[in-house]
């Protein structure tokens, strides 16, 4: 299952803090079609019925079935540039 770094969890909490329902909000990673290797990331107020849910330190990530399979053994990390723009990076999980 996808894991989140502490940086990613903090970035997600920051992004969802001003959402209409912050207690349920998270980011959603979804595929662009069945079997697609192209994934998109968006803010979501709740998971879709078929989504897998990853929660770490109060940060939620919703994964559609294809994204859950593609990211099964990956980690999500985040960083910010000098202007505060957040970027997410998928890496290999570390033991």
PDB file of N, CA and C in Angstrom:
ATOM      1  N   UNK A   1       0.840  -1.175   0.000  1.00  0.00           N
ATOM      2  CA  UNK A   1       0.000   0.000   0.000  1.00  0.00           C
ATOM      3  C   UNK A   1       0.891   1.245   0.000  1.00  0.00           C
ATOM      4  N   UNK A   2       0.457   2.275  -0.669  1.00  0.00           N
ATOM      5  CA  UNK A   2       1.166   3.551  -0.703  1.00  0.00           C
ATOM      6  C   UNK A   2       1.425   4.043   0.716  1.00  0.00           C
ATOM      7  N   UNK A   3       2.613   4.577   0.946  1.00  0.00           N
ATOM      8  CA  UNK A   3       2.919   5.194   2.235  1.00  0.00           C
ATOM      9  C   UNK A   3       3.169   6.681   2.025  1.00  0.00           C
ATOM     10  N   UNK A   4       3.003   7.453   3.094  1.00  0.00           N
ATOM     11  CA  UNK A   4       3.232   8.893   3.040  1.00  0.00           C
ATOM     12  C   UNK A   4       4.406   9.255   3.931  1.00  0.00           C
ATOM     13  N   UNK A   5       5.268  10.137   3.442  1.00  0.00           N
ATOM     14  CA  UNK A   5       6.325  10.662   4.295  1.00  0.00           C
ATOM     15  C   UNK A   5       5.713  11.721   5.209  1.00  0.00           C
ATOM     16  N   UNK A   6       6.451  12.107   6.227  1.00  0.00           N
ATOM     17  CA  UNK A   6       5.981  13.172   7.126  1.00  0.00           C
ATOM     18  C   UNK A   6       5.766  14.470   6.347  1.00  0.00           C
ATOM     19  N   UNK A   7       6.642  14.757   5.375  1.00  0.00           N
ATOM     20  CA  UNK A   7       6.492  15.963   4.552  1.00  0.00           C
ATOM     21  C   UNK A   7       5.200  15.920   3.740  1.00  0.00           C
ATOM     22  N   UNK A   8       4.892  14.760   3.156  1.00  0.00           N
ATOM     23  CA  UNK A   8       3.668  14.627   2.367  1.00  0.00           C
ATOM     24  C   UNK A   8       2.439  14.772   3.255  1.00  0.00           C
ATOM     25  N   UNK A   9       2.460  14.151   4.426  1.00  0.00           N
ATOM     26  CA  UNK A   9       1.319  14.250   5.336  1.00  0.00           C
ATOM     27  C   UNK A   9       1.073  15.702   5.730  1.00  0.00           C
ATOM     28  N   UNK A  10       2.134  16.437   6.038  1.00  0.00           N
ATOM     29  CA  UNK A  10       1.979  17.848   6.417  1.00  0.00           C
ATOM     30  C   UNK A  10       1.442  18.664   5.246  1.00  0.00           C
ATOM     31  N   UNK A  11       1.964  18.436   4.047  1.00  0.00           N
ATOM     32  CA  UNK A  11       1.499  19.172   2.869  1.00  0.00           C
ATOM     33  C   UNK A  11       0.020  18.913   2.603  1.00  0.00           C
ATOM     34  N   UNK A  12      -0.411  17.669   2.748  1.00  0.00           N
ATOM     35  CA  UNK A  12      -1.818  17.328   2.524  1.00  0.00           C
ATOM     36  C   UNK A  12      -2.695  17.983   3.585  1.00  0.00           C
ATOM     37  N   UNK A  13      -2.271  17.943   4.844  1.00  0.00           N
ATOM     38  CA  UNK A  13      -3.042  18.611   5.906  1.00  0.00           C
ATOM     39  C   UNK A  13      -3.146  20.108   5.626  1.00  0.00           C
ATOM     40  N   UNK A  14      -2.058  20.727   5.176  1.00  0.00           N
ATOM     41  CA  UNK A  14      -2.081  22.154   4.849  1.00  0.00           C
ATOM     42  C   UNK A  14      -3.039  22.439   3.702  1.00  0.00           C
ATOM     43  N   UNK A  15      -3.017  21.581   2.669  1.00  0.00           N
ATOM     44  CA  UNK A  15      -3.887  21.790   1.500  1.00  0.00           C
ATOM     45  C   UNK A  15      -5.365  21.621   1.838  1.00  0.00           C
ATOM     46  N   UNK A  16      -5.675  20.718   2.750  1.00  0.00           N
ATOM     47  CA  UNK A  16      -7.082  20.424   3.046  1.00  0.00           C
ATOM     48  C   UNK A  16      -7.627  21.206   4.239  1.00  0.00           C
ATOM     49  N   UNK A  17      -6.788  21.973   4.919  1.00  0.00           N
ATOM     50  CA  UNK A  17      -7.221  22.709   6.111  1.00  0.00           C
ATOM     51  C   UNK A  17      -8.347  23.692   5.817  1.00  0.00           C
ATOM     52  N   UNK A  18      -8.368  24.273   4.625  1.00  0.00           N
ATOM     53  CA  UNK A  18      -9.398  25.260   4.293  1.00  0.00           C
ATOM     54  C   UNK A  18     -10.534  24.664   3.461  1.00  0.00           C
ATOM     55  N   UNK A  19     -10.561  23.351   3.325  1.00  0.00           N
ATOM     56  CA  UNK A  19     -11.627  22.687   2.559  1.00  0.00           C
ATOM     57  C   UNK A  19     -12.951  22.802   3.313  1.00  0.00           C
ATOM     58  N   UNK A  20     -14.084  22.699   2.593  1.00  0.00           N
ATOM     59  CA  UNK A  20     -15.390  22.798   3.254  1.00  0.00           C
ATOM     60  C   UNK A  20     -15.584  21.767   4.362  1.00  0.00           C
ATOM     61  N   UNK A  21     -15.044  20.570   4.205  1.00  0.00           N
ATOM     62  CA  UNK A  21     -15.140  19.524   5.218  1.00  0.00           C
ATOM     63  C   UNK A  21     -13.732  19.004   5.488  1.00  0.00           C
ATOM     64  N   UNK A  22     -12.906  19.768   6.214  1.00  0.00           N
ATOM     65  CA  UNK A  22     -11.508  19.354   6.384  1.00  0.00           C
ATOM     66  C   UNK A  22     -11.335  17.999   7.063  1.00  0.00           C
ATOM     67  N   UNK A  23     -12.280  17.591   7.889  1.00  0.00           N
ATOM     68  CA  UNK A  23     -12.154  16.307   8.581  1.00  0.00           C
ATOM     69  C   UNK A  23     -12.239  15.121   7.628  1.00  0.00           C
ATOM     70  N   UNK A  24     -12.864  15.292   6.471  1.00  0.00           N
ATOM     71  CA  UNK A  24     -13.001  14.215   5.486  1.00  0.00           C
ATOM     72  C   UNK A  24     -12.170  14.457   4.238  1.00  0.00           C
ATOM     73  N   UNK A  25     -11.694  15.666   4.045  1.00  0.00           N
ATOM     74  CA  UNK A  25     -11.005  16.025   2.813  1.00  0.00           C
ATOM     75  C   UNK A  25      -9.629  15.399   2.724  1.00  0.00           C
ATOM     76  N   UNK A  26      -9.176  15.229   1.499  1.00  0.00           N
ATOM     77  CA  UNK A  26      -7.856  14.683   1.236  1.00  0.00           C
ATOM     78  C   UNK A  26      -7.486  14.958  -0.203  1.00  0.00           C
ATOM     79  N   UNK A  27      -6.468  14.285  -0.665  1.00  0.00           N
ATOM     80  CA  UNK A  27      -6.144  14.356  -2.082  1.00  0.00           C
ATOM     81  C   UNK A  27      -6.548  13.034  -2.721  1.00  0.00           C
ATOM     82  N   UNK A  28      -6.935  13.100  -3.979  1.00  0.00           N
ATOM     83  CA  UNK A  28      -7.330  11.892  -4.706  1.00  0.00           C
ATOM     84  C   UNK A  28      -6.381  11.711  -5.866  1.00  0.00           C
ATOM     85  N   UNK A  29      -5.840  10.502  -5.968  1.00  0.00           N
ATOM     86  CA  UNK A  29      -4.990  10.146  -7.093  1.00  0.00           C
ATOM     87  C   UNK A  29      -5.783   9.177  -7.943  1.00  0.00           C
ATOM     88  N   UNK A  30      -5.963   9.544  -9.205  1.00  0.00           N
ATOM     89  CA  UNK A  30      -6.782   8.718 -10.098  1.00  0.00           C
ATOM     90  C   UNK A  30      -6.090   8.538 -11.444  1.00  0.00           C
ATOM     91  N   UNK A  31      -6.507   7.505 -12.143  1.00  0.00           N
ATOM     92  CA  UNK A  31      -5.940   7.190 -13.452  1.00  0.00           C
ATOM     93  C   UNK A  31      -6.716   7.914 -14.530  1.00  0.00           C
ATOM     94  N   UNK A  32      -6.088   8.027 -15.684  1.00  0.00           N
ATOM     95  CA  UNK A  32      -6.724   8.670 -16.834  1.00  0.00           C
ATOM     96  C   UNK A  32      -7.438   7.661 -17.721  1.00  0.00           C
ATOM     97  N   UNK A  33      -7.622   6.464 -17.231  1.00  0.00           N
ATOM     98  CA  UNK A  33      -8.278   5.419 -17.992  1.00  0.00           C
ATOM     99  C   UNK A  33      -7.775   4.081 -17.501  1.00  0.00           C
ATOM    100  N   UNK A  34      -8.513   3.044 -17.779  1.00  0.00           N
ATOM    101  CA  UNK A  34      -8.141   1.718 -17.287  1.00  0.00           C
ATOM    102  C   UNK A  34      -6.779   1.312 -17.823  1.00  0.00           C
ATOM    103  N   UNK A  35      -5.908   0.885 -16.925  1.00  0.00           N
ATOM    104  CA  UNK A  35      -4.580   0.457 -17.321  1.00  0.00           C
ATOM    105  C   UNK A  35      -3.645   1.596 -17.654  1.00  0.00           C
ATOM    106  N   UNK A  36      -4.073   2.823 -17.446  1.00  0.00           N
ATOM    107  CA  UNK A  36      -3.263   3.978 -17.798  1.00  0.00           C
ATOM    108  C   UNK A  36      -2.132   4.172 -16.801  1.00  0.00           C
ATOM    109  N   UNK A  37      -0.984   4.598 -17.291  1.00  0.00           N
ATOM    110  CA  UNK A  37       0.125   4.898 -16.395  1.00  0.00           C
ATOM    111  C   UNK A  37       0.162   6.378 -16.059  1.00  0.00           C
ATOM    112  N   UNK A  38      -0.793   7.144 -16.572  1.00  0.00           N
ATOM    113  CA  UNK A  38      -0.879   8.569 -16.296  1.00  0.00           C
ATOM    114  C   UNK A  38      -1.842   8.796 -15.137  1.00  0.00           C
ATOM    115  N   UNK A  39      -1.332   9.399 -14.061  1.00  0.00           N
ATOM    116  CA  UNK A  39      -2.144   9.627 -12.873  1.00  0.00           C
ATOM    117  C   UNK A  39      -2.326  11.122 -12.646  1.00  0.00           C
ATOM    118  N   UNK A  40      -3.467  11.500 -12.086  1.00  0.00           N
ATOM    119  CA  UNK A  40      -3.726  12.890 -11.746  1.00  0.00           C
ATOM    120  C   UNK A  40      -3.976  13.002 -10.247  1.00  0.00           C
ATOM    121  N   UNK A  41      -3.668  14.155  -9.718  1.00  0.00           N
ATOM    122  CA  UNK A  41      -3.861  14.423  -8.304  1.00  0.00           C
ATOM    123  C   UNK A  41      -4.809  15.609  -8.182  1.00  0.00           C
ATOM    124  N   UNK A  42      -5.812  15.489  -7.321  1.00  0.00           N
ATOM    125  CA  UNK A  42      -6.763  16.576  -7.112  1.00  0.00           C
ATOM    126  C   UNK A  42      -7.216  16.581  -5.662  1.00  0.00           C
ATOM    127  N   UNK A  43      -7.770  17.694  -5.221  1.00  0.00           N
ATOM    128  CA  UNK A  43      -8.358  17.763  -3.888  1.00  0.00           C
ATOM    129  C   UNK A  43      -9.711  17.084  -3.925  1.00  0.00           C
ATOM    130  N   UNK A  44     -10.064  16.404  -2.855  1.00  0.00           N
ATOM    131  CA  UNK A  44     -11.351  15.698  -2.786  1.00  0.00           C
ATOM    132  C   UNK A  44     -11.947  15.890  -1.403  1.00  0.00           C
ATOM    133  N   UNK A  45     -13.274  16.031  -1.356  1.00  0.00           N
ATOM    134  CA  UNK A  45     -13.936  16.190  -0.058  1.00  0.00           C
ATOM    135  C   UNK A  45     -14.241  14.850   0.593  1.00  0.00           C
ATOM    136  N   UNK A  46     -14.193  13.776  -0.187  1.00  0.00           N
ATOM    137  CA  UNK A  46     -14.463  12.426   0.326  1.00  0.00           C
ATOM    138  C   UNK A  46     -14.017  11.422  -0.728  1.00  0.00           C
ATOM    139  N   UNK A  47     -13.799  10.169  -0.329  1.00  0.00           N
ATOM    140  CA  UNK A  47     -13.408   9.158  -1.323  1.00  0.00           C
ATOM    141  C   UNK A  47     -14.589   8.756  -2.195  1.00  0.00           C
ATOM    142  N   UNK A  48     -14.274   8.267  -3.385  1.00  0.00           N
ATOM    143  CA  UNK A  48     -15.277   7.643  -4.241  1.00  0.00           C
ATOM    144  C   UNK A  48     -15.536   6.244  -3.685  1.00  0.00           C
ATOM    145  N   UNK A  49     -16.673   5.631  -4.025  1.00  0.00           N
ATOM    146  CA  UNK A  49     -17.008   4.320  -3.447  1.00  0.00           C
ATOM    147  C   UNK A  49     -15.930   3.238  -3.617  1.00  0.00           C
ATOM    148  N   UNK A  50     -15.230   3.204  -4.734  1.00  0.00           N
ATOM    149  CA  UNK A  50     -14.243   2.142  -4.983  1.00  0.00           C
ATOM    150  C   UNK A  50     -12.830   2.522  -4.546  1.00  0.00           C
ATOM    151  N   UNK A  51     -12.645   3.716  -3.997  1.00  0.00           N
ATOM    152  CA  UNK A  51     -11.307   4.177  -3.633  1.00  0.00           C
ATOM    153  C   UNK A  51     -10.726   3.433  -2.442  1.00  0.00           C
ATOM    154  N   UNK A  52      -9.416   3.223  -2.495  1.00  0.00           N
ATOM    155  CA  UNK A  52      -8.664   2.789  -1.318  1.00  0.00           C
ATOM    156  C   UNK A  52      -8.294   4.057  -0.560  1.00  0.00           C
ATOM    157  N   UNK A  53      -8.278   3.979   0.752  1.00  0.00           N
ATOM    158  CA  UNK A  53      -7.971   5.151   1.573  1.00  0.00           C
ATOM    159  C   UNK A  53      -6.678   4.902   2.348  1.00  0.00           C
ATOM    160  N   UNK A  54      -5.743   5.834   2.214  1.00  0.00           N
ATOM    161  CA  UNK A  54      -4.498   5.805   2.970  1.00  0.00           C
ATOM    162  C   UNK A  54      -4.548   7.006   3.909  1.00  0.00           C
ATOM    163  N   UNK A  55      -4.380   6.759   5.203  1.00  0.00           N
ATOM    164  CA  UNK A  55      -4.386   7.853   6.163  1.00  0.00           C
ATOM    165  C   UNK A  55      -3.148   7.763   7.039  1.00  0.00           C
ATOM    166  N   UNK A  56      -2.435   8.873   7.121  1.00  0.00           N
ATOM    167  CA  UNK A  56      -1.227   8.969   7.933  1.00  0.00           C
ATOM    168  C   UNK A  56      -1.231  10.307   8.642  1.00  0.00           C
ATOM    169  N   UNK A  57      -1.141  10.286   9.957  1.00  0.00           N
ATOM    170  CA  UNK A  57      -1.048  11.511  10.752  1.00  0.00           C
ATOM    171  C   UNK A  57      -2.146  12.512  10.392  1.00  0.00           C
ATOM    172  N   UNK A  58      -3.362  12.029  10.141  1.00  0.00           N
ATOM    173  CA  UNK A  58      -4.483  12.906   9.829  1.00  0.00           C
ATOM    174  C   UNK A  58      -4.562  13.365   8.383  1.00  0.00           C
ATOM    175  N   UNK A  59      -3.651  12.926   7.540  1.00  0.00           N
ATOM    176  CA  UNK A  59      -3.672  13.260   6.112  1.00  0.00           C
ATOM    177  C   UNK A  59      -4.266  12.079   5.355  1.00  0.00           C
ATOM    178  N   UNK A  60      -5.213  12.364   4.455  1.00  0.00           N
ATOM    179  CA  UNK A  60      -5.886  11.315   3.705  1.00  0.00           C
ATOM    180  C   UNK A  60      -5.570  11.392   2.210  1.00  0.00           C
ATOM    181  N   UNK A  61      -5.305  10.204   1.648  1.00  0.00           N
ATOM    182  CA  UNK A  61      -5.112  10.062   0.204  1.00  0.00           C
ATOM    183  C   UNK A  61      -6.114   9.022  -0.269  1.00  0.00           C
ATOM    184  N   UNK A  62      -6.885   9.381  -1.286  1.00  0.00           N
ATOM    185  CA  UNK A  62      -7.859   8.473  -1.877  1.00  0.00           C
ATOM    186  C   UNK A  62      -7.299   8.008  -3.212  1.00  0.00           C
ATOM    187  N   UNK A  63      -7.274   6.696  -3.407  1.00  0.00           N
ATOM    188  CA  UNK A  63      -6.691   6.102  -4.615  1.00  0.00           C
ATOM    189  C   UNK A  63      -7.749   5.319  -5.376  1.00  0.00           C
ATOM    190  N   UNK A  64      -7.940   5.659  -6.660  1.00  0.00           N
ATOM    191  CA  UNK A  64      -8.854   4.826  -7.441  1.00  0.00           C
ATOM    192  C   UNK A  64      -8.194   3.463  -7.634  1.00  0.00           C
ATOM    193  N   UNK A  65      -8.948   2.429  -8.053  1.00  0.00           N
ATOM    194  CA  UNK A  65      -8.383   1.080  -8.127  1.00  0.00           C
ATOM    195  C   UNK A  65      -7.111   0.959  -8.964  1.00  0.00           C
ATOM    196  N   UNK A  66      -7.027   1.663 -10.090  1.00  0.00           N
ATOM    197  CA  UNK A  66      -5.822   1.585 -10.925  1.00  0.00           C
ATOM    198  C   UNK A  66      -4.655   2.253 -10.216  1.00  0.00           C
ATOM    199  N   UNK A  67      -4.877   3.428  -9.650  1.00  0.00           N
ATOM    200  CA  UNK A  67      -3.810   4.137  -8.929  1.00  0.00           C
ATOM    201  C   UNK A  67      -3.336   3.314  -7.734  1.00  0.00           C
ATOM    202  N   UNK A  68      -4.257   2.661  -7.036  1.00  0.00           N
ATOM    203  CA  UNK A  68      -3.882   1.839  -5.880  1.00  0.00           C
ATOM    204  C   UNK A  68      -2.946   0.715  -6.305  1.00  0.00           C
ATOM    205  N   UNK A  69      -3.197   0.126  -7.459  1.00  0.00           N
ATOM    206  CA  UNK A  69      -2.342  -0.948  -7.965  1.00  0.00           C
ATOM    207  C   UNK A  69      -0.984  -0.409  -8.394  1.00  0.00           C
ATOM    208  N   UNK A  70      -0.982   0.683  -9.145  1.00  0.00           N
ATOM    209  CA  UNK A  70       0.266   1.269  -9.643  1.00  0.00           C
ATOM    210  C   UNK A  70       1.164   1.740  -8.491  1.00  0.00           C
ATOM    211  N   UNK A  71       0.553   2.286  -7.436  1.00  0.00           N
ATOM    212  CA  UNK A  71       1.314   2.881  -6.335  1.00  0.00           C
ATOM    213  C   UNK A  71       1.460   1.957  -5.125  1.00  0.00           C
ATOM    214  N   UNK A  72       1.128   0.688  -5.285  1.00  0.00           N
ATOM    215  CA  UNK A  72       1.087  -0.251  -4.166  1.00  0.00           C
ATOM    216  C   UNK A  72       2.383  -0.305  -3.361  1.00  0.00           C
ATOM    217  N   UNK A  73       3.525  -0.260  -4.022  1.00  0.00           N
ATOM    218  CA  UNK A  73       4.804  -0.380  -3.327  1.00  0.00           C
ATOM    219  C   UNK A  73       5.594   0.927  -3.353  1.00  0.00           C
ATOM    220  N   UNK A  74       4.891   2.056  -3.432  1.00  0.00           N
ATOM    221  CA  UNK A  74       5.533   3.370  -3.543  1.00  0.00           C
ATOM    222  C   UNK A  74       5.306   4.210  -2.290  1.00  0.00           C
ATOM    223  N   UNK A  75       6.041   5.321  -2.225  1.00  0.00           N
ATOM    224  CA  UNK A  75       5.892   6.299  -1.148  1.00  0.00           C
ATOM    225  C   UNK A  75       5.620   7.656  -1.788  1.00  0.00           C
ATOM    226  N   UNK A  76       4.824   8.464  -1.128  1.00  0.00           N
ATOM    227  CA  UNK A  76       4.528   9.816  -1.599  1.00  0.00           C
ATOM    228  C   UNK A  76       5.270  10.794  -0.708  1.00  0.00           C
ATOM    229  N   UNK A  77       6.079  11.647  -1.327  1.00  0.00           N
ATOM    230  CA  UNK A  77       6.821  12.668  -0.607  1.00  0.00           C
ATOM    231  C   UNK A  77       6.398  14.024  -1.152  1.00  0.00           C
ATOM    232  N   UNK A  78       6.697  15.090  -0.419  1.00  0.00           N
ATOM    233  CA  UNK A  78       6.321  16.440  -0.853  1.00  0.00           C
ATOM    234  C   UNK A  78       7.413  17.412  -0.471  1.00  0.00           C
ATOM    235  N   UNK A  79       7.451  18.484  -1.218  1.00  0.00           N
ATOM    236  CA  UNK A  79       8.373  19.571  -0.930  1.00  0.00           C
ATOM    237  C   UNK A  79       7.760  20.865  -1.406  1.00  0.00           C
ATOM    238  N   UNK A  80       8.349  21.979  -0.997  1.00  0.00           N
ATOM    239  CA  UNK A  80       7.864  23.294  -1.413  1.00  0.00           C
ATOM    240  C   UNK A  80       9.045  24.103  -1.932  1.00  0.00           C
ATOM    241  N   UNK A  81       8.769  24.940  -2.938  1.00  0.00           N
ATOM    242  CA  UNK A  81       9.830  25.805  -3.448  1.00  0.00           C
ATOM    243  C   UNK A  81       9.869  27.106  -2.635  1.00  0.00           C
ATOM    244  N   UNK A  82      10.716  28.043  -3.039  1.00  0.00           N
ATOM    245  CA  UNK A  82      10.891  29.302  -2.303  1.00  0.00           C
ATOM    246  C   UNK A  82       9.616  30.128  -2.223  1.00  0.00           C
ATOM    247  N   UNK A  83       8.696  29.912  -3.162  1.00  0.00           N
ATOM    248  CA  UNK A  83       7.448  30.675  -3.196  1.00  0.00           C
ATOM    249  C   UNK A  83       6.309  29.948  -2.502  1.00  0.00           C
ATOM    250  N   UNK A  84       6.584  28.756  -1.958  1.00  0.00           N
ATOM    251  CA  UNK A  84       5.568  28.010  -1.232  1.00  0.00           C
ATOM    252  C   UNK A  84       4.752  27.058  -2.080  1.00  0.00           C
ATOM    253  N   UNK A  85       5.085  26.919  -3.357  1.00  0.00           N
ATOM    254  CA  UNK A  85       4.368  25.973  -4.216  1.00  0.00           C
ATOM    255  C   UNK A  85       4.751  24.555  -3.826  1.00  0.00           C
ATOM    256  N   UNK A  86       3.738  23.728  -3.614  1.00  0.00           N
ATOM    257  CA  UNK A  86       3.958  22.348  -3.180  1.00  0.00           C
ATOM    258  C   UNK A  86       4.047  21.437  -4.388  1.00  0.00           C
ATOM    259  N   UNK A  87       4.983  20.502  -4.339  1.00  0.00           N
ATOM    260  CA  UNK A  87       5.061  19.475  -5.373  1.00  0.00           C
ATOM    261  C   UNK A  87       5.163  18.119  -4.684  1.00  0.00           C
ATOM    262  N   UNK A  88       4.530  17.133  -5.295  1.00  0.00           N
ATOM    263  CA  UNK A  88       4.546  15.775  -4.773  1.00  0.00           C
ATOM    264  C   UNK A  88       5.408  14.909  -5.675  1.00  0.00           C
ATOM    265  N   UNK A  89       6.115  13.966  -5.060  1.00  0.00           N
ATOM    266  CA  UNK A  89       6.995  13.057  -5.785  1.00  0.00           C
ATOM    267  C   UNK A  89       6.717  11.645  -5.308  1.00  0.00           C
ATOM    268  N   UNK A  90       6.616  10.721  -6.252  1.00  0.00           N
ATOM    269  CA  UNK A  90       6.441   9.302  -5.926  1.00  0.00           C
ATOM    270  C   UNK A  90       7.831   8.665  -5.956  1.00  0.00           C
ATOM    271  N   UNK A  91       8.149   7.954  -4.867  1.00  0.00           N
ATOM    272  CA  UNK A  91       9.453   7.298  -4.754  1.00  0.00           C
ATOM    273  C   UNK A  91       9.250   5.839  -4.381  1.00  0.00           C
ATOM    274  N   UNK A  92      10.345   5.096  -4.387  1.00  0.00           N
ATOM    275  CA  UNK A  92      10.301   3.720  -3.923  1.00  0.00           C
ATOM    276  C   UNK A  92      10.204   3.737  -2.395  1.00  0.00           C
ATOM    277  N   UNK A  93       9.479   2.770  -1.837  1.00  0.00           N
ATOM    278  CA  UNK A  93       9.403   2.669  -0.385  1.00  0.00           C
ATOM    279  C   UNK A  93      10.743   2.228   0.161  1.00  0.00           C
ATOM    280  N   UNK A  94      11.079   2.749   1.333  1.00  0.00           N
ATOM    281  CA  UNK A  94      12.284   2.293   2.010  1.00  0.00           C
ATOM    282  C   UNK A  94      11.894   1.379   3.147  1.00  0.00           C
ATOM    283  N   UNK A  95      12.737   0.444   3.455  1.00  0.00           N
ATOM    284  CA  UNK A  95      12.417  -0.551   4.495  1.00  0.00           C
ATOM    285  C   UNK A  95      12.362   0.049   5.872  1.00  0.00           C
TER     286      UNK A  95
END
